[in-house]
Amino acid sequence: MLVVVSAPSGGGKSTLLRRLLAEVDNLRYSISYTTRPPRPGERDGEHYYFVSPDDFERMREHGEFLESALVHGHFYGTHRKFVEATLDRGQDLILDIDVQGAESLANIMPEATRIFIMPPSYDVLCQRLRARGSDDPAIIARRLRNAGQEVRRFREFHYVVVNDDLDRALQALICIIGAERERWRLTEKALDAIVATFQTGITLLPVEGGYPSYDDTQGN
């Protein structure tokens, strides 16, 4: 199962996903590549793979990215081989990408589950961005302008979780993952195998005495 989570910058997505990964088993996180510089406390290979614009462009030309986009003046991309290898191993994978990347991925892999994290209001988002203390006012203003466009695209997603309370939003994400896992695990092939056991069992029922044989003319 592939899960895509998007949100405006400052929407609390990173905090939610960190807690989600600690709560849910067999859920891998795809680390994106980016050309933006690390923020204080961010480590290469843990939060992002930080690469130069030239290296990013070279990787993109070689088709190494499943999706890539220019976001807030920097490039971000999802590595194709990592996604494919993780899904081939039967592990569920979650992607933290912006709405542009989610749109691109929806065209490539429409079966992916898409979740949008909605901030409760413009004012709350503004407060969260300022509380970071890592961006200057011009960058914050640009992120807020972009957020105005991003929140309008919530209808492109299967689920919308309003992050007005962190614990409540986390539980909503856990429930979504659980429900989607049931939908994905019960594939048509698996269900056909279950149905086949009923046919085998019916043919073994005694015709006379014991259990009654099946008669579908009765409608039950």
N, C-alpha and C. Protein backbone atom coordinates (compact mmCIF):
# COMPACT_ATOMS: atom_id res chain seq x y z
N MET A 1 0.85 -1.19 0.00
CA MET A 1 0.00 0.00 0.00
C MET A 1 0.88 1.24 0.00
N LEU A 2 0.55 2.17 -0.87
CA LEU A 2 1.27 3.44 -0.94
C LEU A 2 0.35 4.54 -0.44
N VAL A 3 0.85 5.33 0.54
CA VAL A 3 0.08 6.41 1.13
C VAL A 3 0.81 7.73 0.90
N VAL A 4 0.09 8.71 0.39
CA VAL A 4 0.64 10.04 0.12
C VAL A 4 0.01 11.02 1.09
N VAL A 5 0.83 11.75 1.83
CA VAL A 5 0.34 12.76 2.77
C VAL A 5 0.88 14.12 2.36
N SER A 6 -0.04 15.08 2.22
CA SER A 6 0.33 16.44 1.82
C SER A 6 -0.27 17.44 2.78
N ALA A 7 0.35 18.61 2.88
CA ALA A 7 -0.15 19.69 3.74
C ALA A 7 0.60 20.96 3.38
N PRO A 8 0.02 22.11 3.69
CA PRO A 8 0.79 23.34 3.55
C PRO A 8 1.97 23.34 4.51
N SER A 9 3.01 24.07 4.19
CA SER A 9 4.14 24.20 5.10
C SER A 9 3.65 24.77 6.43
N GLY A 10 4.00 24.09 7.53
CA GLY A 10 3.55 24.51 8.84
C GLY A 10 2.26 23.85 9.28
N GLY A 11 1.74 22.94 8.46
CA GLY A 11 0.48 22.28 8.78
C GLY A 11 0.59 21.19 9.84
N GLY A 12 1.80 20.89 10.29
CA GLY A 12 1.99 19.86 11.32
C GLY A 12 2.18 18.47 10.77
N LYS A 13 2.40 18.37 9.47
CA LYS A 13 2.51 17.07 8.82
C LYS A 13 3.70 16.26 9.35
N SER A 14 4.85 16.89 9.49
CA SER A 14 6.04 16.16 9.92
C SER A 14 5.88 15.58 11.33
N THR A 15 5.29 16.37 12.23
CA THR A 15 5.07 15.90 13.60
C THR A 15 4.09 14.73 13.60
N LEU A 16 3.02 14.85 12.84
CA LEU A 16 2.03 13.78 12.77
C LEU A 16 2.64 12.49 12.22
N LEU A 17 3.41 12.61 11.15
CA LEU A 17 3.99 11.42 10.53
C LEU A 17 5.02 10.77 11.44
N ARG A 18 5.78 11.57 12.16
CA ARG A 18 6.75 10.99 13.09
C ARG A 18 6.05 10.16 14.15
N ARG A 19 4.95 10.67 14.68
CA ARG A 19 4.20 9.91 15.69
C ARG A 19 3.48 8.72 15.06
N LEU A 20 2.99 8.89 13.84
CA LEU A 20 2.31 7.79 13.16
C LEU A 20 3.26 6.61 12.94
N LEU A 21 4.47 6.89 12.50
CA LEU A 21 5.44 5.84 12.24
C LEU A 21 5.84 5.11 13.53
N ALA A 22 5.78 5.81 14.66
CA ALA A 22 6.09 5.19 15.94
C ALA A 22 4.95 4.29 16.42
N GLU A 23 3.74 4.57 15.94
CA GLU A 23 2.55 3.84 16.41
C GLU A 23 2.18 2.66 15.52
N VAL A 24 2.47 2.74 14.22
CA VAL A 24 1.97 1.76 13.25
C VAL A 24 3.11 0.88 12.77
N ASP A 25 2.92 -0.43 12.85
CA ASP A 25 3.94 -1.38 12.41
C ASP A 25 3.96 -1.53 10.89
N ASN A 26 5.11 -1.97 10.38
CA ASN A 26 5.28 -2.30 8.96
C ASN A 26 4.91 -1.14 8.04
N LEU A 27 5.23 0.07 8.48
CA LEU A 27 4.99 1.26 7.66
C LEU A 27 6.31 1.99 7.49
N ARG A 28 6.82 2.00 6.26
CA ARG A 28 8.08 2.65 5.95
C ARG A 28 7.85 4.09 5.52
N TYR A 29 8.87 4.90 5.69
CA TYR A 29 8.82 6.31 5.31
C TYR A 29 9.80 6.56 4.18
N SER A 30 9.32 7.21 3.15
CA SER A 30 10.18 7.52 2.00
C SER A 30 10.83 8.89 2.22
N ILE A 31 12.15 8.90 2.30
CA ILE A 31 12.89 10.14 2.50
C ILE A 31 13.09 10.82 1.15
N SER A 32 12.61 12.04 1.04
CA SER A 32 12.68 12.77 -0.21
C SER A 32 14.07 13.38 -0.42
N TYR A 33 14.37 13.68 -1.67
CA TYR A 33 15.56 14.44 -2.03
C TYR A 33 15.15 15.91 -2.18
N THR A 34 16.03 16.82 -1.78
CA THR A 34 15.72 18.23 -1.93
C THR A 34 16.99 19.05 -2.16
N THR A 35 16.79 20.19 -2.79
CA THR A 35 17.91 21.11 -3.02
C THR A 35 17.95 22.22 -1.97
N ARG A 36 16.97 22.26 -1.08
CA ARG A 36 17.00 23.33 -0.06
C ARG A 36 18.02 22.99 1.01
N PRO A 37 18.57 24.01 1.67
CA PRO A 37 19.55 23.74 2.74
C PRO A 37 18.85 23.17 3.97
N PRO A 38 19.57 22.41 4.78
CA PRO A 38 18.96 21.85 6.00
C PRO A 38 18.59 22.94 6.99
N ARG A 39 17.47 22.72 7.69
CA ARG A 39 17.12 23.59 8.80
C ARG A 39 17.89 23.13 10.04
N PRO A 40 17.97 23.96 11.06
CA PRO A 40 18.65 23.52 12.29
C PRO A 40 18.05 22.23 12.83
N GLY A 41 18.90 21.27 13.11
CA GLY A 41 18.45 19.99 13.64
C GLY A 41 18.17 18.94 12.59
N GLU A 42 18.08 19.31 11.33
CA GLU A 42 17.83 18.33 10.27
C GLU A 42 19.12 17.63 9.88
N ARG A 43 19.01 16.32 9.63
CA ARG A 43 20.17 15.52 9.28
C ARG A 43 19.96 14.84 7.92
N ASP A 44 21.02 14.83 7.13
CA ASP A 44 20.97 14.21 5.82
C ASP A 44 20.73 12.71 5.97
N GLY A 45 19.79 12.19 5.17
CA GLY A 45 19.47 10.78 5.22
C GLY A 45 18.45 10.41 6.27
N GLU A 46 18.07 11.36 7.10
CA GLU A 46 17.04 11.11 8.12
C GLU A 46 15.79 11.94 7.84
N HIS A 47 15.99 13.22 7.62
CA HIS A 47 14.86 14.10 7.30
C HIS A 47 14.70 14.24 5.79
N TYR A 48 15.80 14.49 5.10
CA TYR A 48 15.85 14.57 3.64
C TYR A 48 17.22 14.11 3.19
N TYR A 49 17.33 13.85 1.90
CA TYR A 49 18.64 13.75 1.27
C TYR A 49 18.90 15.11 0.65
N PHE A 50 19.86 15.83 1.16
CA PHE A 50 20.16 17.17 0.69
C PHE A 50 21.20 17.10 -0.42
N VAL A 51 20.82 17.55 -1.61
CA VAL A 51 21.70 17.47 -2.77
C VAL A 51 21.77 18.84 -3.44
N SER A 52 22.79 19.02 -4.27
CA SER A 52 22.93 20.28 -5.00
C SER A 52 21.93 20.32 -6.15
N PRO A 53 21.62 21.54 -6.63
CA PRO A 53 20.73 21.63 -7.80
C PRO A 53 21.25 20.86 -9.01
N ASP A 54 22.57 20.86 -9.22
CA ASP A 54 23.13 20.13 -10.35
C ASP A 54 22.93 18.62 -10.20
N ASP A 55 23.17 18.10 -8.98
CA ASP A 55 22.97 16.67 -8.75
C ASP A 55 21.50 16.30 -8.90
N PHE A 56 20.62 17.15 -8.41
CA PHE A 56 19.18 16.88 -8.53
C PHE A 56 18.77 16.82 -9.99
N GLU A 57 19.24 17.78 -10.77
CA GLU A 57 18.87 17.81 -12.18
C GLU A 57 19.42 16.59 -12.91
N ARG A 58 20.63 16.16 -12.55
CA ARG A 58 21.22 14.98 -13.18
C ARG A 58 20.39 13.73 -12.85
N MET A 59 19.96 13.62 -11.61
CA MET A 59 19.12 12.48 -11.22
C MET A 59 17.78 12.51 -11.96
N ARG A 60 17.23 13.68 -12.11
CA ARG A 60 15.95 13.80 -12.81
C ARG A 60 16.10 13.44 -14.29
N GLU A 61 17.17 13.87 -14.91
CA GLU A 61 17.41 13.54 -16.32
C GLU A 61 17.57 12.04 -16.52
N HIS A 62 18.11 11.35 -15.52
CA HIS A 62 18.31 9.90 -15.61
C HIS A 62 17.07 9.11 -15.21
N GLY A 63 15.98 9.82 -14.91
CA GLY A 63 14.73 9.14 -14.58
C GLY A 63 14.70 8.51 -13.21
N GLU A 64 15.51 9.03 -12.28
CA GLU A 64 15.59 8.41 -10.96
C GLU A 64 14.44 8.80 -10.04
N PHE A 65 13.68 9.82 -10.42
CA PHE A 65 12.59 10.28 -9.56
C PHE A 65 11.24 9.78 -10.07
N LEU A 66 10.44 9.28 -9.13
CA LEU A 66 9.08 8.90 -9.46
C LEU A 66 8.24 10.15 -9.69
N GLU A 67 8.50 11.18 -8.90
CA GLU A 67 7.87 12.49 -9.08
C GLU A 67 8.85 13.53 -8.55
N SER A 68 8.76 14.74 -9.08
CA SER A 68 9.58 15.85 -8.58
C SER A 68 8.84 17.15 -8.84
N ALA A 69 9.14 18.16 -8.01
CA ALA A 69 8.42 19.43 -8.15
C ALA A 69 9.27 20.55 -7.57
N LEU A 70 9.01 21.75 -8.05
CA LEU A 70 9.61 22.96 -7.50
C LEU A 70 8.64 23.54 -6.48
N VAL A 71 9.09 23.58 -5.22
CA VAL A 71 8.22 24.02 -4.13
C VAL A 71 8.94 25.08 -3.30
N HIS A 72 8.33 26.25 -3.17
CA HIS A 72 8.91 27.34 -2.38
C HIS A 72 10.34 27.66 -2.82
N GLY A 73 10.59 27.55 -4.12
CA GLY A 73 11.90 27.91 -4.65
C GLY A 73 12.95 26.81 -4.61
N HIS A 74 12.58 25.62 -4.16
CA HIS A 74 13.53 24.51 -4.10
C HIS A 74 12.90 23.26 -4.71
N PHE A 75 13.75 22.36 -5.22
CA PHE A 75 13.27 21.13 -5.83
C PHE A 75 13.18 20.01 -4.79
N TYR A 76 12.13 19.19 -4.96
CA TYR A 76 11.92 18.02 -4.12
C TYR A 76 11.60 16.84 -5.04
N GLY A 77 12.06 15.65 -4.65
CA GLY A 77 11.78 14.48 -5.49
C GLY A 77 11.72 13.19 -4.68
N THR A 78 10.95 12.22 -5.18
CA THR A 78 10.82 10.90 -4.58
C THR A 78 11.57 9.89 -5.42
N HIS A 79 12.45 9.13 -4.79
CA HIS A 79 13.30 8.20 -5.53
C HIS A 79 12.50 6.99 -6.00
N ARG A 80 12.52 6.73 -7.30
CA ARG A 80 11.71 5.69 -7.90
C ARG A 80 12.07 4.29 -7.39
N LYS A 81 13.35 3.95 -7.38
CA LYS A 81 13.75 2.58 -7.03
C LYS A 81 13.41 2.25 -5.59
N PHE A 82 13.53 3.22 -4.69
CA PHE A 82 13.21 2.96 -3.29
C PHE A 82 11.73 2.62 -3.14
N VAL A 83 10.88 3.39 -3.80
CA VAL A 83 9.44 3.14 -3.72
C VAL A 83 9.10 1.77 -4.28
N GLU A 84 9.61 1.46 -5.46
CA GLU A 84 9.30 0.20 -6.11
C GLU A 84 9.81 -0.99 -5.30
N ALA A 85 11.03 -0.87 -4.76
CA ALA A 85 11.62 -1.98 -3.99
C ALA A 85 10.85 -2.21 -2.69
N THR A 86 10.43 -1.13 -2.04
CA THR A 86 9.69 -1.26 -0.78
C THR A 86 8.35 -1.93 -1.00
N LEU A 87 7.62 -1.51 -2.03
CA LEU A 87 6.32 -2.11 -2.33
C LEU A 87 6.48 -3.55 -2.78
N ASP A 88 7.54 -3.86 -3.52
CA ASP A 88 7.77 -5.23 -3.96
C ASP A 88 8.03 -6.17 -2.79
N ARG A 89 8.59 -5.63 -1.71
CA ARG A 89 8.84 -6.45 -0.51
C ARG A 89 7.58 -6.65 0.32
N GLY A 90 6.48 -6.04 -0.10
CA GLY A 90 5.23 -6.18 0.63
C GLY A 90 5.10 -5.26 1.82
N GLN A 91 5.90 -4.20 1.85
CA GLN A 91 5.82 -3.24 2.95
C GLN A 91 4.99 -2.04 2.52
N ASP A 92 4.20 -1.51 3.46
CA ASP A 92 3.45 -0.29 3.20
C ASP A 92 4.40 0.89 3.28
N LEU A 93 4.16 1.89 2.44
CA LEU A 93 5.07 3.02 2.33
C LEU A 93 4.30 4.32 2.37
N ILE A 94 4.82 5.29 3.13
CA ILE A 94 4.17 6.59 3.23
C ILE A 94 5.10 7.66 2.66
N LEU A 95 4.53 8.52 1.84
CA LEU A 95 5.27 9.61 1.21
C LEU A 95 4.80 10.94 1.78
N ASP A 96 5.75 11.79 2.10
CA ASP A 96 5.47 13.15 2.58
C ASP A 96 5.83 14.10 1.44
N ILE A 97 4.83 14.47 0.64
CA ILE A 97 5.10 15.31 -0.53
C ILE A 97 4.04 16.40 -0.65
N ASP A 98 4.36 17.44 -1.41
CA ASP A 98 3.45 18.57 -1.56
C ASP A 98 2.33 18.23 -2.54
N VAL A 99 1.39 19.15 -2.70
CA VAL A 99 0.23 18.88 -3.55
C VAL A 99 0.62 18.69 -5.01
N GLN A 100 1.68 19.36 -5.48
CA GLN A 100 2.13 19.14 -6.85
C GLN A 100 2.62 17.70 -7.04
N GLY A 101 3.42 17.24 -6.08
CA GLY A 101 3.92 15.88 -6.15
C GLY A 101 2.79 14.87 -6.03
N ALA A 102 1.80 15.17 -5.18
CA ALA A 102 0.65 14.27 -5.03
C ALA A 102 -0.12 14.17 -6.33
N GLU A 103 -0.25 15.29 -7.03
CA GLU A 103 -0.95 15.26 -8.32
C GLU A 103 -0.19 14.42 -9.34
N SER A 104 1.12 14.60 -9.40
CA SER A 104 1.94 13.82 -10.33
C SER A 104 1.85 12.34 -10.03
N LEU A 105 1.92 12.01 -8.74
CA LEU A 105 1.88 10.61 -8.34
C LEU A 105 0.52 9.98 -8.62
N ALA A 106 -0.54 10.78 -8.47
CA ALA A 106 -1.89 10.27 -8.74
C ALA A 106 -2.03 9.87 -10.20
N ASN A 107 -1.33 10.56 -11.09
CA ASN A 107 -1.38 10.22 -12.51
C ASN A 107 -0.58 8.94 -12.81
N ILE A 108 0.49 8.72 -12.02
CA ILE A 108 1.34 7.55 -12.23
C ILE A 108 0.80 6.33 -11.50
N MET A 109 0.37 6.55 -10.25
CA MET A 109 -0.11 5.45 -9.40
C MET A 109 -1.45 5.85 -8.78
N PRO A 110 -2.51 5.78 -9.57
CA PRO A 110 -3.83 6.23 -9.07
C PRO A 110 -4.34 5.42 -7.89
N GLU A 111 -3.78 4.24 -7.67
CA GLU A 111 -4.22 3.40 -6.55
C GLU A 111 -3.71 3.90 -5.20
N ALA A 112 -2.76 4.84 -5.21
CA ALA A 112 -2.21 5.35 -3.95
C ALA A 112 -3.29 6.08 -3.14
N THR A 113 -3.25 5.89 -1.83
CA THR A 113 -4.18 6.58 -0.93
C THR A 113 -3.64 7.97 -0.63
N ARG A 114 -4.44 9.00 -0.86
CA ARG A 114 -3.99 10.37 -0.69
C ARG A 114 -4.71 11.03 0.48
N ILE A 115 -3.93 11.60 1.40
CA ILE A 115 -4.45 12.24 2.60
C ILE A 115 -3.94 13.67 2.66
N PHE A 116 -4.85 14.60 2.92
CA PHE A 116 -4.47 16.01 3.05
C PHE A 116 -4.62 16.44 4.50
N ILE A 117 -3.56 17.05 5.06
CA ILE A 117 -3.60 17.57 6.42
C ILE A 117 -3.96 19.06 6.33
N MET A 118 -5.12 19.40 6.85
CA MET A 118 -5.64 20.77 6.77
C MET A 118 -5.39 21.52 8.07
N PRO A 119 -4.74 22.68 8.01
CA PRO A 119 -4.64 23.50 9.23
C PRO A 119 -6.01 24.04 9.61
N PRO A 120 -6.25 24.28 10.90
CA PRO A 120 -7.58 24.73 11.31
C PRO A 120 -7.95 26.13 10.83
N SER A 121 -6.95 26.96 10.54
CA SER A 121 -7.23 28.32 10.06
C SER A 121 -5.95 28.95 9.54
N TYR A 122 -6.12 30.05 8.82
CA TYR A 122 -4.96 30.82 8.34
C TYR A 122 -4.14 31.34 9.52
N ASP A 123 -4.81 31.87 10.54
CA ASP A 123 -4.10 32.45 11.68
C ASP A 123 -3.25 31.42 12.40
N VAL A 124 -3.80 30.21 12.58
CA VAL A 124 -3.04 29.15 13.26
C VAL A 124 -1.82 28.77 12.43
N LEU A 125 -2.00 28.65 11.12
CA LEU A 125 -0.86 28.30 10.26
C LEU A 125 0.22 29.38 10.34
N CYS A 126 -0.21 30.63 10.33
CA CYS A 126 0.73 31.75 10.42
C CYS A 126 1.52 31.67 11.73
N GLN A 127 0.83 31.39 12.82
CA GLN A 127 1.50 31.28 14.12
C GLN A 127 2.50 30.12 14.13
N ARG A 128 2.14 29.00 13.53
CA ARG A 128 3.04 27.84 13.51
C ARG A 128 4.31 28.13 12.70
N LEU A 129 4.14 28.80 11.56
CA LEU A 129 5.31 29.11 10.74
C LEU A 129 6.24 30.08 11.46
N ARG A 130 5.68 31.07 12.14
CA ARG A 130 6.51 32.03 12.86
C ARG A 130 7.19 31.39 14.06
N ALA A 131 6.50 30.43 14.68
CA ALA A 131 7.06 29.78 15.87
C ALA A 131 8.28 28.92 15.54
N ARG A 132 8.42 28.53 14.28
CA ARG A 132 9.59 27.73 13.90
C ARG A 132 10.89 28.48 14.20
N GLY A 133 10.88 29.79 13.88
CA GLY A 133 12.06 30.60 14.09
C GLY A 133 13.19 30.33 13.14
N SER A 134 12.90 29.60 12.04
CA SER A 134 13.98 29.22 11.12
C SER A 134 13.87 29.92 9.77
N ASP A 135 12.79 30.66 9.53
CA ASP A 135 12.59 31.32 8.23
C ASP A 135 12.42 32.81 8.42
N ASP A 136 12.95 33.58 7.47
CA ASP A 136 12.78 35.03 7.56
C ASP A 136 11.38 35.41 7.09
N PRO A 137 10.91 36.64 7.38
CA PRO A 137 9.54 37.04 7.06
C PRO A 137 9.17 36.89 5.59
N ALA A 138 10.11 37.10 4.69
CA ALA A 138 9.79 36.98 3.26
C ALA A 138 9.46 35.54 2.89
N ILE A 139 10.20 34.59 3.46
CA ILE A 139 9.95 33.17 3.19
C ILE A 139 8.60 32.75 3.79
N ILE A 140 8.33 33.23 5.00
CA ILE A 140 7.05 32.92 5.63
C ILE A 140 5.90 33.46 4.80
N ALA A 141 6.04 34.69 4.30
CA ALA A 141 4.98 35.28 3.48
C ALA A 141 4.75 34.46 2.22
N ARG A 142 5.82 33.98 1.60
CA ARG A 142 5.68 33.17 0.39
C ARG A 142 5.00 31.84 0.70
N ARG A 143 5.35 31.22 1.81
CA ARG A 143 4.72 29.95 2.19
C ARG A 143 3.23 30.15 2.48
N LEU A 144 2.88 31.25 3.09
CA LEU A 144 1.47 31.53 3.37
C LEU A 144 0.69 31.78 2.09
N ARG A 145 1.29 32.49 1.14
CA ARG A 145 0.63 32.70 -0.15
C ARG A 145 0.40 31.37 -0.85
N ASN A 146 1.42 30.51 -0.84
CA ASN A 146 1.27 29.20 -1.47
C ASN A 146 0.23 28.36 -0.75
N ALA A 147 0.16 28.50 0.58
CA ALA A 147 -0.81 27.73 1.36
C ALA A 147 -2.24 28.07 0.95
N GLY A 148 -2.47 29.35 0.59
CA GLY A 148 -3.80 29.74 0.15
C GLY A 148 -4.26 28.98 -1.08
N GLN A 149 -3.31 28.62 -1.94
CA GLN A 149 -3.63 27.82 -3.13
C GLN A 149 -3.73 26.34 -2.78
N GLU A 150 -2.85 25.89 -1.90
CA GLU A 150 -2.80 24.45 -1.57
C GLU A 150 -4.06 23.98 -0.87
N VAL A 151 -4.57 24.76 0.09
CA VAL A 151 -5.74 24.30 0.85
C VAL A 151 -6.98 24.19 -0.03
N ARG A 152 -7.01 24.92 -1.14
CA ARG A 152 -8.16 24.85 -2.05
C ARG A 152 -8.20 23.55 -2.84
N ARG A 153 -7.11 22.77 -2.77
CA ARG A 153 -7.02 21.54 -3.56
C ARG A 153 -7.35 20.29 -2.74
N PHE A 154 -7.97 20.47 -1.59
CA PHE A 154 -8.25 19.32 -0.72
C PHE A 154 -9.14 18.29 -1.37
N ARG A 155 -9.96 18.71 -2.35
CA ARG A 155 -10.87 17.77 -3.01
C ARG A 155 -10.13 16.75 -3.88
N GLU A 156 -8.86 16.97 -4.14
CA GLU A 156 -8.08 16.02 -4.94
C GLU A 156 -7.63 14.82 -4.11
N PHE A 157 -7.93 14.82 -2.81
CA PHE A 157 -7.46 13.79 -1.90
C PHE A 157 -8.62 12.91 -1.45
N HIS A 158 -8.28 11.68 -1.06
CA HIS A 158 -9.31 10.75 -0.58
C HIS A 158 -9.79 11.09 0.82
N TYR A 159 -8.87 11.60 1.65
CA TYR A 159 -9.19 11.93 3.04
C TYR A 159 -8.63 13.32 3.36
N VAL A 160 -9.34 14.02 4.26
CA VAL A 160 -8.86 15.30 4.79
C VAL A 160 -8.90 15.21 6.31
N VAL A 161 -7.76 15.45 6.93
CA VAL A 161 -7.66 15.44 8.39
C VAL A 161 -7.34 16.86 8.84
N VAL A 162 -8.22 17.46 9.63
CA VAL A 162 -7.98 18.80 10.16
C VAL A 162 -7.10 18.68 11.40
N ASN A 163 -5.95 19.31 11.36
CA ASN A 163 -4.99 19.20 12.46
C ASN A 163 -5.25 20.32 13.48
N ASP A 164 -6.42 20.24 14.12
CA ASP A 164 -6.75 21.20 15.17
C ASP A 164 -6.32 20.70 16.54
N ASP A 165 -6.17 19.39 16.66
CA ASP A 165 -5.69 18.76 17.89
C ASP A 165 -4.79 17.60 17.47
N LEU A 166 -3.55 17.61 17.94
CA LEU A 166 -2.56 16.65 17.45
C LEU A 166 -2.96 15.21 17.75
N ASP A 167 -3.42 14.94 18.97
CA ASP A 167 -3.80 13.57 19.33
C ASP A 167 -4.99 13.09 18.50
N ARG A 168 -5.98 13.96 18.31
CA ARG A 168 -7.16 13.57 17.52
C ARG A 168 -6.77 13.32 16.07
N ALA A 169 -5.93 14.21 15.51
CA ALA A 169 -5.50 14.05 14.13
C ALA A 169 -4.69 12.77 13.95
N LEU A 170 -3.86 12.44 14.94
CA LEU A 170 -3.07 11.21 14.88
C LEU A 170 -3.98 9.99 14.86
N GLN A 171 -4.98 9.97 15.72
CA GLN A 171 -5.90 8.84 15.75
C GLN A 171 -6.66 8.71 14.43
N ALA A 172 -6.99 9.84 13.82
CA ALA A 172 -7.66 9.79 12.51
C ALA A 172 -6.75 9.14 11.47
N LEU A 173 -5.47 9.49 11.49
CA LEU A 173 -4.53 8.89 10.54
C LEU A 173 -4.38 7.39 10.79
N ILE A 174 -4.29 6.99 12.05
CA ILE A 174 -4.18 5.57 12.38
C ILE A 174 -5.39 4.80 11.87
N CYS A 175 -6.58 5.39 12.05
CA CYS A 175 -7.81 4.74 11.57
C CYS A 175 -7.82 4.62 10.05
N ILE A 176 -7.35 5.65 9.36
CA ILE A 176 -7.32 5.62 7.90
C ILE A 176 -6.37 4.52 7.42
N ILE A 177 -5.19 4.45 8.02
CA ILE A 177 -4.23 3.42 7.63
C ILE A 177 -4.82 2.03 7.87
N GLY A 178 -5.47 1.84 9.01
CA GLY A 178 -6.06 0.54 9.31
C GLY A 178 -7.14 0.16 8.32
N ALA A 179 -8.01 1.10 8.00
CA ALA A 179 -9.09 0.82 7.05
C ALA A 179 -8.56 0.54 5.66
N GLU A 180 -7.57 1.32 5.24
CA GLU A 180 -7.00 1.12 3.90
C GLU A 180 -6.24 -0.19 3.81
N ARG A 181 -5.63 -0.61 4.90
CA ARG A 181 -4.95 -1.91 4.89
C ARG A 181 -5.94 -3.04 4.66
N GLU A 182 -7.11 -2.96 5.28
CA GLU A 182 -8.12 -3.98 5.05
C GLU A 182 -8.56 -3.99 3.59
N ARG A 183 -8.70 -2.80 3.01
CA ARG A 183 -9.12 -2.72 1.61
C ARG A 183 -8.06 -3.31 0.69
N TRP A 184 -6.80 -3.05 1.01
CA TRP A 184 -5.72 -3.55 0.16
C TRP A 184 -5.44 -5.02 0.37
N ARG A 185 -5.55 -5.48 1.63
CA ARG A 185 -5.23 -6.88 1.89
C ARG A 185 -6.26 -7.80 1.24
N LEU A 186 -7.51 -7.40 1.25
CA LEU A 186 -8.56 -8.24 0.68
C LEU A 186 -8.67 -8.00 -0.82
N THR A 187 -7.67 -8.43 -1.55
CA THR A 187 -7.68 -8.29 -2.99
C THR A 187 -8.66 -9.28 -3.60
N GLU A 188 -8.99 -9.05 -4.84
CA GLU A 188 -9.93 -9.95 -5.52
C GLU A 188 -9.40 -11.38 -5.56
N LYS A 189 -8.09 -11.52 -5.73
CA LYS A 189 -7.50 -12.86 -5.78
C LYS A 189 -7.67 -13.57 -4.43
N ALA A 190 -7.42 -12.84 -3.34
CA ALA A 190 -7.56 -13.43 -2.01
C ALA A 190 -9.01 -13.78 -1.73
N LEU A 191 -9.92 -12.91 -2.14
CA LEU A 191 -11.34 -13.18 -1.91
C LEU A 191 -11.82 -14.37 -2.74
N ASP A 192 -11.34 -14.50 -3.96
CA ASP A 192 -11.71 -15.65 -4.79
C ASP A 192 -11.25 -16.95 -4.14
N ALA A 193 -10.08 -16.90 -3.50
CA ALA A 193 -9.58 -18.10 -2.81
C ALA A 193 -10.49 -18.49 -1.65
N ILE A 194 -11.01 -17.48 -0.94
CA ILE A 194 -11.95 -17.76 0.15
C ILE A 194 -13.25 -18.35 -0.39
N VAL A 195 -13.76 -17.74 -1.46
CA VAL A 195 -14.99 -18.23 -2.08
C VAL A 195 -14.82 -19.68 -2.54
N ALA A 196 -13.64 -20.02 -3.06
CA ALA A 196 -13.39 -21.37 -3.55
C ALA A 196 -13.50 -22.40 -2.43
N THR A 197 -13.17 -22.02 -1.19
CA THR A 197 -13.28 -22.96 -0.08
C THR A 197 -14.73 -23.33 0.19
N PHE A 198 -15.65 -22.41 -0.08
CA PHE A 198 -17.07 -22.71 0.11
C PHE A 198 -17.54 -23.74 -0.92
N GLN A 199 -17.06 -23.60 -2.15
CA GLN A 199 -17.45 -24.55 -3.18
C GLN A 199 -16.95 -25.94 -2.84
N THR A 200 -15.70 -26.01 -2.35
CA THR A 200 -15.14 -27.30 -1.95
C THR A 200 -15.93 -27.90 -0.80
N GLY A 201 -16.28 -27.08 0.18
CA GLY A 201 -17.03 -27.56 1.32
C GLY A 201 -18.41 -28.04 0.96
N ILE A 202 -19.07 -27.34 0.04
CA ILE A 202 -20.43 -27.70 -0.37
C ILE A 202 -20.44 -29.06 -1.06
N THR A 203 -19.45 -29.33 -1.90
CA THR A 203 -19.42 -30.61 -2.63
C THR A 203 -19.19 -31.78 -1.68
N LEU A 204 -18.64 -31.52 -0.49
CA LEU A 204 -18.38 -32.59 0.47
C LEU A 204 -19.56 -32.85 1.40
N LEU A 205 -20.60 -32.01 1.33
CA LEU A 205 -21.76 -32.23 2.20
C LEU A 205 -22.49 -33.51 1.81
N PRO A 206 -22.97 -34.30 2.79
CA PRO A 206 -23.71 -35.54 2.46
C PRO A 206 -25.02 -35.21 1.78
N VAL A 207 -25.38 -36.04 0.80
CA VAL A 207 -26.62 -35.83 0.06
C VAL A 207 -27.82 -36.22 0.90
N GLU A 208 -27.67 -37.26 1.66
CA GLU A 208 -28.78 -37.72 2.51
C GLU A 208 -28.29 -37.84 3.94
N GLY A 209 -29.10 -37.34 4.85
CA GLY A 209 -28.72 -37.41 6.26
C GLY A 209 -27.64 -36.39 6.59
N GLY A 210 -27.32 -36.24 7.84
CA GLY A 210 -26.30 -35.29 8.24
C GLY A 210 -26.69 -33.88 7.85
N TYR A 211 -25.73 -33.14 7.33
CA TYR A 211 -26.00 -31.77 6.92
C TYR A 211 -26.76 -31.76 5.60
N PRO A 212 -27.69 -30.85 5.44
CA PRO A 212 -28.39 -30.76 4.15
C PRO A 212 -27.46 -30.24 3.07
N SER A 213 -27.68 -30.75 1.83
CA SER A 213 -26.88 -30.24 0.70
C SER A 213 -27.40 -28.86 0.32
N TYR A 214 -26.55 -28.12 -0.38
CA TYR A 214 -26.88 -26.74 -0.77
C TYR A 214 -27.84 -26.74 -1.95
N ASP A 215 -28.83 -25.90 -1.88
CA ASP A 215 -29.79 -25.75 -2.98
C ASP A 215 -30.02 -24.27 -3.17
N ASP A 216 -29.39 -23.67 -4.20
CA ASP A 216 -29.51 -22.24 -4.38
C ASP A 216 -30.85 -21.83 -5.01
N THR A 217 -31.74 -22.80 -5.27
CA THR A 217 -33.08 -22.42 -5.77
C THR A 217 -33.93 -21.87 -4.65
N GLN A 218 -33.48 -22.05 -3.39
CA GLN A 218 -34.26 -21.56 -2.26
C GLN A 218 -34.01 -20.08 -1.97
N GLY A 219 -32.94 -19.56 -2.58
CA GLY A 219 -32.65 -18.14 -2.40
C GLY A 219 -32.09 -17.80 -1.03
N ASN A 220 -31.51 -18.77 -0.32
CA ASN A 220 -30.90 -18.45 0.95
C ASN A 220 -29.75 -19.43 1.22
